[in-house]
PDB file of N, CA and C in Angstrom:
ATOM      1  N   MET A   1      42.337  84.089 145.443  1.00  0.00           N
ATOM      2  CA  MET A   1      42.212  84.491 144.052  1.00  0.00           C
ATOM      3  C   MET A   1      40.987  83.916 143.441  1.00  0.00           C
ATOM      4  N   THR A   2      40.627  82.651 143.759  1.00  0.00           N
ATOM      5  CA  THR A   2      39.370  81.968 143.280  1.00  0.00           C
ATOM      6  C   THR A   2      38.180  82.673 143.654  1.00  0.00           C
ATOM      7  N   LYS A   3      38.274  83.160 144.924  1.00  0.00           N
ATOM      8  CA  LYS A   3      37.081  83.854 145.503  1.00  0.00           C
ATOM      9  C   LYS A   3      36.773  85.204 144.787  1.00  0.00           C
ATOM     10  N   ILE A   4      37.871  85.915 144.292  1.00  0.00           N
ATOM     11  CA  ILE A   4      37.579  87.154 143.690  1.00  0.00           C
ATOM     12  C   ILE A   4      37.014  86.887 142.227  1.00  0.00           C
ATOM     13  N   ILE A   5      37.597  85.852 141.665  1.00  0.00           N
ATOM     14  CA  ILE A   5      37.023  85.525 140.291  1.00  0.00           C
ATOM     15  C   ILE A   5      35.585  85.104 140.314  1.00  0.00           C
ATOM     16  N   THR A   6      35.290  84.309 141.310  1.00  0.00           N
ATOM     17  CA  THR A   6      33.863  83.875 141.500  1.00  0.00           C
ATOM     18  C   THR A   6      33.027  85.109 141.733  1.00  0.00           C
ATOM     19  N   ILE A   7      33.332  85.982 142.558  1.00  0.00           N
ATOM     20  CA  ILE A   7      32.679  87.335 142.734  1.00  0.00           C
ATOM     21  C   ILE A   7      32.475  88.037 141.522  1.00  0.00           C
ATOM     22  N   ILE A   8      33.537  88.222 140.729  1.00  0.00           N
ATOM     23  CA  ILE A   8      33.389  88.839 139.537  1.00  0.00           C
ATOM     24  C   ILE A   8      32.421  88.208 138.460  1.00  0.00           C
ATOM     25  N   VAL A   9      32.536  86.906 138.407  1.00  0.00           N
ATOM     26  CA  VAL A   9      31.621  86.157 137.510  1.00  0.00           C
ATOM     27  C   VAL A   9      30.256  86.329 137.944  1.00  0.00           C
ATOM     28  N   VAL A  10      29.930  86.210 139.229  1.00  0.00           N
ATOM     29  CA  VAL A  10      28.542  86.296 139.680  1.00  0.00           C
ATOM     30  C   VAL A  10      28.072  87.818 139.486  1.00  0.00           C
ATOM     31  N   ALA A  11      28.904  88.773 139.744  1.00  0.00           N
ATOM     32  CA  ALA A  11      28.553  90.128 139.396  1.00  0.00           C
ATOM     33  C   ALA A  11      28.202  90.430 138.006  1.00  0.00           C
ATOM     34  N   LEU A  12      28.959  89.879 137.084  1.00  0.00           N
ATOM     35  CA  LEU A  12      28.711  90.037 135.567  1.00  0.00           C
ATOM     36  C   LEU A  12      27.439  89.317 135.221  1.00  0.00           C
ATOM     37  N   LEU A  13      27.071  88.115 135.798  1.00  0.00           N
ATOM     38  CA  LEU A  13      25.817  87.416 135.572  1.00  0.00           C
ATOM     39  C   LEU A  13      24.603  88.142 136.079  1.00  0.00           C
ATOM     40  N   ILE A  14      24.815  88.917 137.178  1.00  0.00           N
ATOM     41  CA  ILE A  14      23.644  89.730 137.703  1.00  0.00           C
ATOM     42  C   ILE A  14      23.454  90.926 136.811  1.00  0.00           C
ATOM     43  N   VAL A  15      24.511  91.624 136.340  1.00  0.00           N
ATOM     44  CA  VAL A  15      24.421  92.674 135.503  1.00  0.00           C
ATOM     45  C   VAL A  15      23.808  92.350 134.183  1.00  0.00           C
ATOM     46  N   ALA A  16      24.219  91.186 133.567  1.00  0.00           N
ATOM     47  CA  ALA A  16      23.731  90.713 132.319  1.00  0.00           C
ATOM     48  C   ALA A  16      22.283  90.344 132.559  1.00  0.00           C
ATOM     49  N   GLY A  17      21.822  89.680 133.554  1.00  0.00           N
ATOM     50  CA  GLY A  17      20.476  89.336 133.783  1.00  0.00           C
ATOM     51  C   GLY A  17      19.627  90.616 133.995  1.00  0.00           C
ATOM     52  N   GLY A  18      20.116  91.560 134.620  1.00  0.00           N
ATOM     53  CA  GLY A  18      19.320  92.906 134.764  1.00  0.00           C
ATOM     54  C   GLY A  18      19.143  93.548 133.537  1.00  0.00           C
ATOM     55  N   TRP A  19      20.178  93.543 132.697  1.00  0.00           N
ATOM     56  CA  TRP A  19      20.195  94.142 131.439  1.00  0.00           C
ATOM     57  C   TRP A  19      19.102  93.499 130.480  1.00  0.00           C
ATOM     58  N   TRP A  20      19.093  92.198 130.407  1.00  0.00           N
ATOM     59  CA  TRP A  20      18.253  91.479 129.705  1.00  0.00           C
ATOM     60  C   TRP A  20      16.787  91.778 130.103  1.00  0.00           C
ATOM     61  N   TYR A  21      16.522  91.662 131.440  1.00  0.00           N
ATOM     62  CA  TYR A  21      15.193  91.920 132.114  1.00  0.00           C
ATOM     63  C   TYR A  21      14.669  93.346 131.659  1.00  0.00           C
ATOM     64  N   VAL A  22      15.423  94.264 131.755  1.00  0.00           N
ATOM     65  CA  VAL A  22      15.106  95.734 131.267  1.00  0.00           C
ATOM     66  C   VAL A  22      14.808  95.668 129.815  1.00  0.00           C
ATOM     67  N   ASP A  23      15.591  95.092 129.133  1.00  0.00           N
ATOM     68  CA  ASP A  23      15.353  95.046 127.640  1.00  0.00           C
ATOM     69  C   ASP A  23      14.061  94.385 127.370  1.00  0.00           C
ATOM     70  N   GLU A  24      13.724  93.291 127.977  1.00  0.00           N
ATOM     71  CA  GLU A  24      12.523  92.671 127.702  1.00  0.00           C
ATOM     72  C   GLU A  24      11.335  93.473 128.171  1.00  0.00           C
ATOM     73  N   LEU A  25      11.335  94.241 129.246  1.00  0.00           N
ATOM     74  CA  LEU A  25      10.351  95.129 129.764  1.00  0.00           C
ATOM     75  C   LEU A  25      10.151  96.182 128.671  1.00  0.00           C
ATOM     76  N   ASN A  26      11.171  96.721 128.061  1.00  0.00           N
ATOM     77  CA  ASN A  26      11.018  97.797 126.992  1.00  0.00           C
ATOM     78  C   ASN A  26      10.329  97.229 125.761  1.00  0.00           C
ATOM     79  N   GLN A  27      10.606  95.939 125.432  1.00  0.00           N
ATOM     80  CA  GLN A  27       9.945  95.358 124.114  1.00  0.00           C
ATOM     81  C   GLN A  27       8.581  95.054 124.459  1.00  0.00           C
ATOM     82  N   THR A  28       8.243  94.640 125.571  1.00  0.00           N
ATOM     83  CA  THR A  28       6.905  94.252 125.941  1.00  0.00           C
ATOM     84  C   THR A  28       6.048  95.572 126.114  1.00  0.00           C
ATOM     85  N   ASN A  29       6.450  96.603 126.593  1.00  0.00           N
ATOM     86  CA  ASN A  29       5.777  97.855 126.815  1.00  0.00           C
ATOM     87  C   ASN A  29       5.629  98.826 125.655  1.00  0.00           C
ATOM     88  N   SER A  30       6.287  98.525 124.467  1.00  0.00           N
ATOM     89  CA  SER A  30       6.385  99.353 123.448  1.00  0.00           C
ATOM     90  C   SER A  30       5.126  99.169 122.685  1.00  0.00           C
ATOM     91  N   VAL A  31       4.554 100.367 122.204  1.00  0.00           N
ATOM     92  CA  VAL A  31       3.353 100.344 121.365  1.00  0.00           C
ATOM     93  C   VAL A  31       3.613 100.733 119.962  1.00  0.00           C
ATOM     94  N   PRO A  32       3.114 100.060 119.088  1.00  0.00           N
ATOM     95  CA  PRO A  32       3.425 100.370 117.689  1.00  0.00           C
ATOM     96  C   PRO A  32       2.844 101.757 117.301  1.00  0.00           C
ATOM     97  N   SER A  33       3.562 102.471 116.505  1.00  0.00           N
ATOM     98  CA  SER A  33       3.204 103.928 116.293  1.00  0.00           C
ATOM     99  C   SER A  33       2.064 103.847 115.337  1.00  0.00           C
ATOM    100  N   THR A  34       1.812 102.912 114.482  1.00  0.00           N
ATOM    101  CA  THR A  34       0.738 102.854 113.518  1.00  0.00           C
ATOM    102  C   THR A  34      -0.039 101.685 113.655  1.00  0.00           C
ATOM    103  N   PHE A  35      -1.240 101.672 113.512  1.00  0.00           N
ATOM    104  CA  PHE A  35      -2.232 100.591 113.677  1.00  0.00           C
ATOM    105  C   PHE A  35      -3.083 100.536 112.422  1.00  0.00           C
ATOM    106  N   VAL A  36      -3.008  99.477 111.635  1.00  0.00           N
ATOM    107  CA  VAL A  36      -3.899  99.328 110.592  1.00  0.00           C
ATOM    108  C   VAL A  36      -4.935  98.307 110.749  1.00  0.00           C
ATOM    109  N   ALA A  37      -6.119  98.549 110.727  1.00  0.00           N
ATOM    110  CA  ALA A  37      -7.235  97.446 110.994  1.00  0.00           C
ATOM    111  C   ALA A  37      -7.829  97.235 109.638  1.00  0.00           C
ATOM    112  N   SER A  38      -7.892  95.842 109.375  1.00  0.00           N
ATOM    113  CA  SER A  38      -8.308  95.431 108.105  1.00  0.00           C
ATOM    114  C   SER A  38      -9.888  94.995 108.389  1.00  0.00           C
ATOM    115  N   THR A  39     -10.727  95.272 107.495  1.00  0.00           N
ATOM    116  CA  THR A  39     -12.170  94.835 107.666  1.00  0.00           C
ATOM    117  C   THR A  39     -12.334  93.863 106.556  1.00  0.00           C
ATOM    118  N   SER A  40     -13.160  92.783 106.891  1.00  0.00           N
ATOM    119  CA  SER A  40     -13.538  91.877 105.783  1.00  0.00           C
ATOM    120  C   SER A  40     -15.151  91.859 105.860  1.00  0.00           C
ATOM    121  N   SER A  41     -15.707  91.660 104.701  1.00  0.00           N
ATOM    122  CA  SER A  41     -17.127  91.745 104.719  1.00  0.00           C
ATOM    123  C   SER A  41     -17.718  90.447 104.932  1.00  0.00           C
ATOM    124  N   SER A  42     -16.932  89.310 104.880  1.00  0.00           N
ATOM    125  CA  SER A  42     -17.678  87.938 105.159  1.00  0.00           C
ATOM    126  C   SER A  42     -16.678  87.070 106.090  1.00  0.00           C
ATOM    127  N   GLN A  43     -17.237  86.491 106.975  1.00  0.00           N
ATOM    128  CA  GLN A  43     -16.521  85.718 107.952  1.00  0.00           C
ATOM    129  C   GLN A  43     -16.057  84.424 107.391  1.00  0.00           C
ATOM    130  N   GLY A  44     -16.687  83.932 106.277  1.00  0.00           N
ATOM    131  CA  GLY A  44     -16.358  82.646 105.714  1.00  0.00           C
ATOM    132  C   GLY A  44     -14.833  82.676 105.155  1.00  0.00           C
ATOM    133  N   ASN A  45     -14.481  83.842 104.541  1.00  0.00           N
ATOM    134  CA  ASN A  45     -13.173  83.910 103.968  1.00  0.00           C
ATOM    135  C   ASN A  45     -12.092  83.909 105.041  1.00  0.00           C
ATOM    136  N   ALA A  46     -12.399  84.572 106.246  1.00  0.00           N
ATOM    137  CA  ALA A  46     -11.450  84.672 107.231  1.00  0.00           C
ATOM    138  C   ALA A  46     -11.203  83.246 107.789  1.00  0.00           C
ATOM    139  N   SER A  47     -12.332  82.424 107.919  1.00  0.00           N
ATOM    140  CA  SER A  47     -12.178  81.169 108.446  1.00  0.00           C
ATOM    141  C   SER A  47     -11.412  80.228 107.406  1.00  0.00           C
ATOM    142  N   ASP A  48     -11.662  80.313 106.151  1.00  0.00           N
ATOM    143  CA  ASP A  48     -10.934  79.561 105.163  1.00  0.00           C
ATOM    144  C   ASP A  48      -9.433  79.931 105.328  1.00  0.00           C
ATOM    145  N   ALA A  49      -9.066  81.149 105.317  1.00  0.00           N
ATOM    146  CA  ALA A  49      -7.605  81.526 105.368  1.00  0.00           C
ATOM    147  C   ALA A  49      -7.031  81.059 106.643  1.00  0.00           C
ATOM    148  N   SER A  50      -7.774  81.031 107.740  1.00  0.00           N
ATOM    149  CA  SER A  50      -7.216  80.417 108.906  1.00  0.00           C
ATOM    150  C   SER A  50      -7.005  78.982 108.844  1.00  0.00           C
ATOM    151  N   ASP A  51      -7.884  78.299 108.320  1.00  0.00           N
ATOM    152  CA  ASP A  51      -7.769  76.867 108.158  1.00  0.00           C
ATOM    153  C   ASP A  51      -6.496  76.571 107.162  1.00  0.00           C
ATOM    154  N   ALA A  52      -6.418  77.234 106.168  1.00  0.00           N
ATOM    155  CA  ALA A  52      -5.268  77.080 105.251  1.00  0.00           C
ATOM    156  C   ALA A  52      -3.958  77.407 105.917  1.00  0.00           C
ATOM    157  N   SER A  53      -3.850  78.381 106.812  1.00  0.00           N
ATOM    158  CA  SER A  53      -2.818  78.804 107.526  1.00  0.00           C
ATOM    159  C   SER A  53      -2.393  77.645 108.516  1.00  0.00           C
ATOM    160  N   ILE A  54      -3.410  77.105 109.174  1.00  0.00           N
ATOM    161  CA  ILE A  54      -3.199  76.096 110.181  1.00  0.00           C
ATOM    162  C   ILE A  54      -2.581  74.821 109.410  1.00  0.00           C
ATOM    163  N   ASP A  55      -3.214  74.461 108.267  1.00  0.00           N
ATOM    164  CA  ASP A  55      -2.733  73.363 107.457  1.00  0.00           C
ATOM    165  C   ASP A  55      -1.316  73.573 107.104  1.00  0.00           C
ATOM    166  N   GLN A  56      -1.014  74.735 106.616  1.00  0.00           N
ATOM    167  CA  GLN A  56       0.448  74.968 106.167  1.00  0.00           C
ATOM    168  C   GLN A  56       1.355  74.883 107.382  1.00  0.00           C
ATOM    169  N   SER A  57       1.002  75.525 108.490  1.00  0.00           N
ATOM    170  CA  SER A  57       1.813  75.315 109.670  1.00  0.00           C
ATOM    171  C   SER A  57       1.961  73.818 110.077  1.00  0.00           C
ATOM    172  N   MET A  58       0.956  73.082 110.038  1.00  0.00           N
ATOM    173  CA  MET A  58       1.083  71.680 110.464  1.00  0.00           C
ATOM    174  C   MET A  58       1.999  70.867 109.473  1.00  0.00           C
ATOM    175  N   ALA A  59       1.861  71.275 108.175  1.00  0.00           N
ATOM    176  CA  ALA A  59       2.784  70.610 107.246  1.00  0.00           C
ATOM    177  C   ALA A  59       4.264  70.942 107.545  1.00  0.00           C
ATOM    178  N   SER A  60       4.426  72.203 107.933  1.00  0.00           N
ATOM    179  CA  SER A  60       5.825  72.719 108.247  1.00  0.00           C
ATOM    180  C   SER A  60       6.279  71.974 109.543  1.00  0.00           C
ATOM    181  N   VAL A  61       5.480  71.857 110.500  1.00  0.00           N
ATOM    182  CA  VAL A  61       5.896  71.199 111.740  1.00  0.00           C
ATOM    183  C   VAL A  61       6.208  69.636 111.476  1.00  0.00           C
ATOM    184  N   ASP A  62       5.336  69.031 110.573  1.00  0.00           N
ATOM    185  CA  ASP A  62       5.513  67.652 110.212  1.00  0.00           C
ATOM    186  C   ASP A  62       6.982  67.427 109.576  1.00  0.00           C
ATOM    187  N   GLY A  63       7.229  68.463 108.684  1.00  0.00           N
ATOM    188  CA  GLY A  63       8.614  68.282 108.049  1.00  0.00           C
ATOM    189  C   GLY A  63       9.692  68.439 108.948  1.00  0.00           C
ATOM    190  N   GLN A  64       9.525  69.376 110.020  1.00  0.00           N
ATOM    191  CA  GLN A  64      10.685  69.668 110.852  1.00  0.00           C
ATOM    192  C   GLN A  64      10.791  68.466 111.850  1.00  0.00           C
ATOM    193  N   MET A  65       9.552  67.774 112.189  1.00  0.00           N
ATOM    194  CA  MET A  65       9.686  66.621 112.986  1.00  0.00           C
ATOM    195  C   MET A  65      10.404  65.407 112.386  1.00  0.00           C
ATOM    196  N   ASN A  66      10.119  65.328 111.148  1.00  0.00           N
ATOM    197  CA  ASN A  66      10.746  64.291 110.273  1.00  0.00           C
ATOM    198  C   ASN A  66      12.247  64.476 110.294  1.00  0.00           C
ATOM    199  N   GLY A  67      12.650  65.787 110.053  1.00  0.00           N
ATOM    200  CA  GLY A  67      14.093  65.912 110.084  1.00  0.00           C
ATOM    201  C   GLY A  67      14.684  65.747 111.458  1.00  0.00           C
ATOM    202  N   LEU A  68      13.969  66.056 112.504  1.00  0.00           N
ATOM    203  CA  LEU A  68      14.516  65.719 113.775  1.00  0.00           C
ATOM    204  C   LEU A  68      14.728  64.301 114.162  1.00  0.00           C
ATOM    205  N   ASN A  69      13.665  63.357 113.655  1.00  0.00           N
ATOM    206  CA  ASN A  69      13.734  61.966 113.750  1.00  0.00           C
ATOM    207  C   ASN A  69      14.885  61.507 113.030  1.00  0.00           C
ATOM    208  N   SER A  70      15.183  62.083 111.722  1.00  0.00           N
ATOM    209  CA  SER A  70      16.340  61.580 110.898  1.00  0.00           C
ATOM    210  C   SER A  70      17.542  61.861 111.729  1.00  0.00           C
ATOM    211  N   ASP A  71      17.738  63.081 112.194  1.00  0.00           N
ATOM    212  CA  ASP A  71      18.932  63.576 112.936  1.00  0.00           C
ATOM    213  C   ASP A  71      19.108  62.636 114.218  1.00  0.00           C
ATOM    214  N   SER A  72      17.993  62.354 114.811  1.00  0.00           N
ATOM    215  CA  SER A  72      18.113  61.536 116.186  1.00  0.00           C
ATOM    216  C   SER A  72      18.599  60.146 115.709  1.00  0.00           C
ATOM    217  N   ALA A  73      18.117  59.494 114.590  1.00  0.00           N
ATOM    218  CA  ALA A  73      18.524  58.235 114.328  1.00  0.00           C
ATOM    219  C   ALA A  73      19.993  58.300 113.845  1.00  0.00           C
ATOM    220  N   SER A  74      20.536  59.352 113.249  1.00  0.00           N
ATOM    221  CA  SER A  74      21.894  59.425 112.850  1.00  0.00           C
ATOM    222  C   SER A  74      22.797  59.534 114.188  1.00  0.00           C
ATOM    223  N   VAL A  75      22.324  60.336 115.051  1.00  0.00           N
ATOM    224  CA  VAL A  75      23.040  60.365 116.413  1.00  0.00           C
ATOM    225  C   VAL A  75      23.108  59.094 117.093  1.00  0.00           C
ATOM    226  N   ASP A  76      21.979  58.262 117.212  1.00  0.00           N
ATOM    227  CA  ASP A  76      21.818  57.003 117.714  1.00  0.00           C
ATOM    228  C   ASP A  76      22.959  56.036 117.081  1.00  0.00           C
ATOM    229  N   GLU A  77      22.903  56.025 115.795  1.00  0.00           N
ATOM    230  CA  GLU A  77      23.738  55.192 115.081  1.00  0.00           C
ATOM    231  C   GLU A  77      25.228  55.527 115.289  1.00  0.00           C
ATOM    232  N   GLY A  78      25.526  56.805 115.395  1.00  0.00           N
ATOM    233  CA  GLY A  78      26.868  57.304 115.679  1.00  0.00           C
ATOM    234  C   GLY A  78      27.299  56.756 117.164  1.00  0.00           C
ATOM    235  N   LEU A  79      26.382  56.876 118.050  1.00  0.00           N
ATOM    236  CA  LEU A  79      26.761  56.533 119.503  1.00  0.00           C
ATOM    237  C   LEU A  79      26.885  54.935 119.691  1.00  0.00           C
ATOM    238  N   ASN A  80      26.202  54.151 118.903  1.00  0.00           N
ATOM    239  CA  ASN A  80      26.340  52.855 118.925  1.00  0.00           C
ATOM    240  C   ASN A  80      27.325  52.164 118.034  1.00  0.00           C
ATOM    241  N   ASP A  81      28.089  53.086 117.331  1.00  0.00           N
ATOM    242  CA  ASP A  81      29.074  52.497 116.442  1.00  0.00           C
ATOM    243  C   ASP A  81      30.135  51.909 117.214  1.00  0.00           C
ATOM    244  N   LYS A  82      30.684  50.785 116.636  1.00  0.00           N
ATOM    245  CA  LYS A  82      31.750  50.083 117.310  1.00  0.00           C
ATOM    246  C   LYS A  82      32.995  50.474 116.710  1.00  0.00           C
ATOM    247  N   SER A  83      34.141  50.657 117.489  1.00  0.00           N
ATOM    248  CA  SER A  83      35.443  50.942 116.896  1.00  0.00           C
ATOM    249  C   SER A  83      36.058  49.808 116.147  1.00  0.00           C
ATOM    250  N   ILE A  84      36.776  50.099 115.081  1.00  0.00           N
ATOM    251  CA  ILE A  84      37.426  48.904 114.220  1.00  0.00           C
ATOM    252  C   ILE A  84      38.823  48.793 114.698  1.00  0.00           C
ATOM    253  N   GLN A  85      39.228  47.582 114.974  1.00  0.00           N
ATOM    254  CA  GLN A  85      40.614  47.273 115.214  1.00  0.00           C
ATOM    255  C   GLN A  85      41.536  47.284 114.062  1.00  0.00           C
ATOM    256  N   GLN A  86      42.631  47.951 114.288  1.00  0.00           N
ATOM    257  CA  GLN A  86      43.467  48.051 113.129  1.00  0.00           C
ATOM    258  C   GLN A  86      44.854  47.379 113.386  1.00  0.00           C
TER     259      GLN A  86
END
């Protein structure tokens, strides 16, 4: 009985993996139906927009890292918590 269940689970995993792989191939090979090219007359503006975008992304990452540090500290505190005798 255990052998049959194992075979069924393995078969389901293989089918799910194949389905995911084919889905990824379809998404990678799809070509957008429309393409809009934007042109800018000056390279200086594009560089400034890029720098601002990088600064904004870095600020966002810093905020997320601070949240992660806070969560990690809370988890550590919870793991080190001593039980209270009643």
